[in-house]
Amino acid sequence: MAGFVANLFFALINGGVCVTLNVIAQRKAGFEMKRQELIDAAIQVIQEDGVHQLSLAKIAEKVGITKPAIFYHFKNKQDLMMALTYFTVAEYEQTIAEEFERLPENDALRHVHAFLKGNLRQLNDSELIKVHAASMEVLVSNDEATAVWRDVYNRELAKMTPEIGVVRADLLSVALDGMWYGAMCGVWDAKRAESVITYLEKIIEQD
């Protein structure tokens, strides 16, 4: 009898632990979903109204919560903008990775071509350019954002350098930086970017 009671006791304890862990997991999932919903709402405001109209009040209105509730997920607007930076970085690297997978394995300049094609794809996305422009607000004033993009820059250079050398890899990166700056300022369109990238590809392939 004592053994049965002990087993029952431990079963109840273990069951309680499992229920508690499930509740914690559900709450965490709900927290992450709401956080992503806020990021998506911020992106929507930027794309519809421009970065200068982005405010926590507008984001809260989009999601259907009060402004103070946002602070449960983000410390302040700067924290939210940092989340946007991570979003743009993830989108950027994912696009280049997708282009890399599309290229043949025997392409001697596979990383270079993926880098150029991935950037061109993003430069053709006017809505995404708006989000990149918004994240620049953080980049100029936040060391964490600067470090994140520096890491991306260095990773892409490390992939291209074995294929074309460090100087030409730097040249491509600087050229694309200029195109991005022009696109975010509204003085550089995708058609011009495509022409220049095509020209850069020819130069690299001829050398």
Protein backbone atom coordinates (compact mmCIF):
# COMPACT_ATOMS: atom_id res chain seq x y z
CA MET A 1 0.00 0.00 0.00
CA ALA A 2 2.80 2.37 0.94
CA GLY A 3 4.48 1.65 -2.41
CA PHE A 4 1.25 2.39 -4.28
CA VAL A 5 0.81 5.70 -2.44
CA ALA A 6 4.42 6.65 -3.13
CA ASN A 7 4.07 5.84 -6.83
CA LEU A 8 0.83 7.79 -7.00
CA PHE A 9 2.50 10.75 -5.27
CA PHE A 10 5.42 10.77 -7.71
CA ALA A 11 3.05 10.37 -10.66
CA LEU A 12 1.09 13.41 -9.52
CA ILE A 13 4.30 15.39 -9.02
CA ASN A 14 5.63 14.43 -12.45
CA GLY A 15 2.28 15.19 -14.02
CA GLY A 16 2.27 18.58 -12.36
CA VAL A 17 5.77 19.28 -13.65
CA CYS A 18 4.75 18.32 -17.19
CA VAL A 19 1.70 20.57 -17.04
CA THR A 20 3.82 23.43 -15.71
CA LEU A 21 6.42 22.97 -18.46
CA ASN A 22 3.68 22.89 -21.09
CA VAL A 23 2.19 26.10 -19.74
CA ILE A 24 5.62 27.77 -19.77
CA ALA A 25 6.25 26.59 -23.34
CA GLN A 26 2.85 27.88 -24.47
CA ARG A 27 3.43 31.24 -22.82
CA LYS A 28 6.86 31.52 -24.42
CA ALA A 29 5.43 30.65 -27.83
CA GLY A 30 2.68 33.23 -27.33
CA PHE A 31 5.25 35.82 -26.30
CA GLU A 32 7.34 35.17 -29.42
CA MET A 33 4.27 35.30 -31.65
CA LYS A 34 3.19 38.64 -30.22
CA ARG A 35 6.73 39.99 -30.52
CA GLN A 36 6.84 38.97 -34.19
CA GLU A 37 3.40 40.48 -34.70
CA LEU A 38 4.72 43.80 -33.39
CA ILE A 39 7.73 43.62 -35.72
CA ASP A 40 5.43 42.85 -38.66
CA ALA A 41 3.23 45.80 -37.69
CA ALA A 42 6.26 48.09 -37.57
CA ILE A 43 7.27 46.92 -41.05
CA GLN A 44 3.73 47.56 -42.29
CA VAL A 45 3.74 51.12 -40.91
CA ILE A 46 7.13 51.80 -42.53
CA GLN A 47 5.99 50.45 -45.89
CA GLU A 48 2.65 52.25 -45.86
CA ASP A 49 3.49 55.56 -44.20
CA GLY A 50 7.28 55.83 -44.14
CA VAL A 51 9.79 55.55 -41.31
CA HIS A 52 9.10 59.08 -40.06
CA GLN A 53 5.54 58.04 -39.22
CA LEU A 54 6.68 55.03 -37.21
CA SER A 55 5.65 55.30 -33.58
CA LEU A 56 4.86 52.88 -30.79
CA ALA A 57 1.32 54.25 -30.71
CA LYS A 58 0.77 53.38 -34.39
CA ILE A 59 2.24 49.92 -33.93
CA ALA A 60 0.00 49.29 -30.93
CA GLU A 61 -3.02 50.41 -32.94
CA LYS A 62 -2.13 48.01 -35.77
CA VAL A 63 -1.85 45.06 -33.39
CA GLY A 64 -4.83 46.03 -31.27
CA ILE A 65 -3.08 46.50 -27.93
CA THR A 66 -2.32 49.47 -25.73
CA LYS A 67 0.97 51.32 -26.15
CA PRO A 68 2.21 50.36 -22.63
CA ALA A 69 1.71 46.68 -23.54
CA ILE A 70 4.50 47.00 -26.12
CA PHE A 71 7.01 47.50 -23.32
CA TYR A 72 6.37 43.92 -22.22
CA HIS A 73 8.10 42.88 -25.47
CA PHE A 74 10.46 45.79 -26.20
CA LYS A 75 12.19 48.13 -23.77
CA ASN A 76 11.72 51.13 -26.05
CA LYS A 77 11.49 52.14 -29.71
CA GLN A 78 15.24 51.67 -30.11
CA ASP A 79 14.90 48.07 -28.97
CA LEU A 80 12.16 47.51 -31.55
CA MET A 81 14.31 49.07 -34.26
CA MET A 82 17.11 46.69 -33.29
CA ALA A 83 14.70 43.82 -33.87
CA LEU A 84 14.07 45.27 -37.34
CA THR A 85 17.82 45.23 -37.93
CA TYR A 86 17.93 41.51 -37.16
CA PHE A 87 14.98 41.04 -39.51
CA THR A 88 16.74 42.80 -42.40
CA VAL A 89 19.96 40.86 -41.76
CA ALA A 90 18.09 37.54 -41.78
CA GLU A 91 16.26 38.45 -45.00
CA TYR A 92 19.49 39.59 -46.64
CA GLU A 93 21.46 36.45 -45.80
CA GLN A 94 18.53 34.18 -46.66
CA THR A 95 18.20 35.77 -50.11
CA ILE A 96 21.90 35.26 -50.88
CA ALA A 97 21.72 31.68 -49.58
CA GLU A 98 18.75 30.95 -51.87
CA GLU A 99 20.61 32.32 -54.88
CA PHE A 100 23.64 30.21 -53.94
CA GLU A 101 21.50 27.05 -53.93
CA ARG A 102 20.12 27.88 -57.38
CA LEU A 103 23.58 28.11 -58.94
CA PRO A 104 25.36 25.01 -60.29
CA GLU A 105 27.88 23.39 -57.97
CA ASN A 106 30.62 23.63 -60.61
CA ASP A 107 30.31 27.43 -60.79
CA ALA A 108 33.83 28.64 -59.95
CA LEU A 109 32.39 31.99 -58.82
CA ARG A 110 29.35 30.59 -57.06
CA HIS A 111 29.63 32.79 -53.96
CA VAL A 112 30.29 35.90 -56.03
CA HIS A 113 27.33 35.26 -58.31
CA ALA A 114 25.08 34.50 -55.32
CA PHE A 115 26.17 37.74 -53.64
CA LEU A 116 25.43 39.83 -56.73
CA LYS A 117 22.15 38.11 -57.60
CA GLY A 118 20.95 38.18 -53.99
CA ASN A 119 21.63 41.89 -53.68
CA LEU A 120 19.94 42.59 -57.01
CA ARG A 121 16.86 40.67 -55.86
CA GLN A 122 16.61 42.79 -52.75
CA LEU A 123 17.27 46.02 -54.63
CA ASN A 124 14.26 45.13 -56.79
CA ASP A 125 12.05 45.00 -53.68
CA SER A 126 11.01 48.60 -53.01
CA GLU A 127 9.08 47.66 -49.86
CA LEU A 128 12.07 45.88 -48.38
CA ILE A 129 14.30 48.86 -49.18
CA LYS A 130 12.05 50.98 -46.95
CA VAL A 131 12.69 48.60 -44.05
CA HIS A 132 16.44 48.68 -44.71
CA ALA A 133 16.29 52.48 -44.70
CA ALA A 134 14.49 52.42 -41.37
CA SER A 135 17.11 50.13 -39.85
CA MET A 136 19.79 52.65 -40.85
CA GLU A 137 18.42 54.88 -38.11
CA VAL A 138 19.71 52.32 -35.61
CA LEU A 139 22.91 51.56 -37.50
CA VAL A 140 24.30 55.08 -37.13
CA SER A 141 23.70 55.22 -33.39
CA ASN A 142 23.87 51.67 -32.06
CA ASP A 143 27.08 49.68 -31.65
CA GLU A 144 25.20 46.38 -31.61
CA ALA A 145 23.60 47.08 -35.00
CA THR A 146 26.95 48.13 -36.42
CA ALA A 147 28.54 44.91 -35.16
CA VAL A 148 25.74 42.79 -36.65
CA TRP A 149 26.17 44.26 -40.14
CA ARG A 150 29.96 44.17 -39.84
CA ASP A 151 29.73 40.43 -39.21
CA VAL A 152 27.53 40.00 -42.29
CA TYR A 153 29.97 42.03 -44.37
CA ASN A 154 32.92 39.97 -43.16
CA ARG A 155 31.14 36.66 -43.75
CA GLU A 156 30.34 37.56 -47.35
CA LEU A 157 33.90 38.78 -47.94
CA ALA A 158 35.27 35.53 -46.52
CA LYS A 159 33.16 33.54 -48.99
CA MET A 160 34.10 35.60 -52.05
CA THR A 161 37.80 36.13 -51.33
CA PRO A 162 38.93 32.57 -52.25
CA GLU A 163 37.15 32.99 -55.60
CA ILE A 164 38.31 36.46 -56.67
CA GLY A 165 40.79 37.74 -54.08
CA VAL A 166 40.37 40.22 -51.27
CA VAL A 167 40.71 43.42 -53.35
CA ARG A 168 38.03 42.52 -55.89
CA ALA A 169 35.78 41.16 -53.13
CA ASP A 170 36.13 44.51 -51.36
CA LEU A 171 35.41 46.31 -54.62
CA LEU A 172 32.15 44.41 -55.10
CA SER A 173 31.09 45.04 -51.51
CA VAL A 174 31.79 48.77 -51.74
CA ALA A 175 29.97 48.99 -55.09
CA LEU A 176 26.90 47.30 -53.61
CA ASP A 177 27.06 49.53 -50.54
CA GLY A 178 26.82 52.52 -52.87
CA MET A 179 23.83 51.04 -54.67
CA TRP A 180 22.06 50.35 -51.38
CA TYR A 181 22.70 53.89 -50.18
CA GLY A 182 21.35 55.29 -53.44
CA ALA A 183 18.29 53.02 -53.29
CA MET A 184 17.50 54.00 -49.70
CA CYS A 185 17.84 57.69 -50.58
CA GLY A 186 15.57 57.21 -53.58
CA VAL A 187 18.18 58.25 -56.15
CA TRP A 188 19.06 54.78 -57.46
CA ASP A 189 16.56 52.46 -59.11
CA ALA A 190 16.65 48.71 -59.67
CA LYS A 191 17.17 49.04 -63.43
CA ARG A 192 20.40 50.98 -62.94
CA ALA A 193 21.49 48.49 -60.30
CA GLU A 194 20.90 45.60 -62.69
CA SER A 195 23.00 47.26 -65.41
CA VAL A 196 25.91 47.90 -63.06
CA ILE A 197 25.77 44.44 -61.48
CA THR A 198 25.73 42.82 -64.93
CA TYR A 199 28.79 44.90 -65.85
CA LEU A 200 30.56 43.93 -62.61
CA GLU A 201 29.86 40.26 -63.31
CA LYS A 202 31.44 40.55 -66.76
CA ILE A 203 34.55 42.24 -65.37
CA ILE A 204 34.99 39.60 -62.68
CA GLU A 205 34.44 36.71 -65.09
CA GLN A 206 36.93 38.10 -67.63
CA ASP A 207 39.79 38.48 -65.13
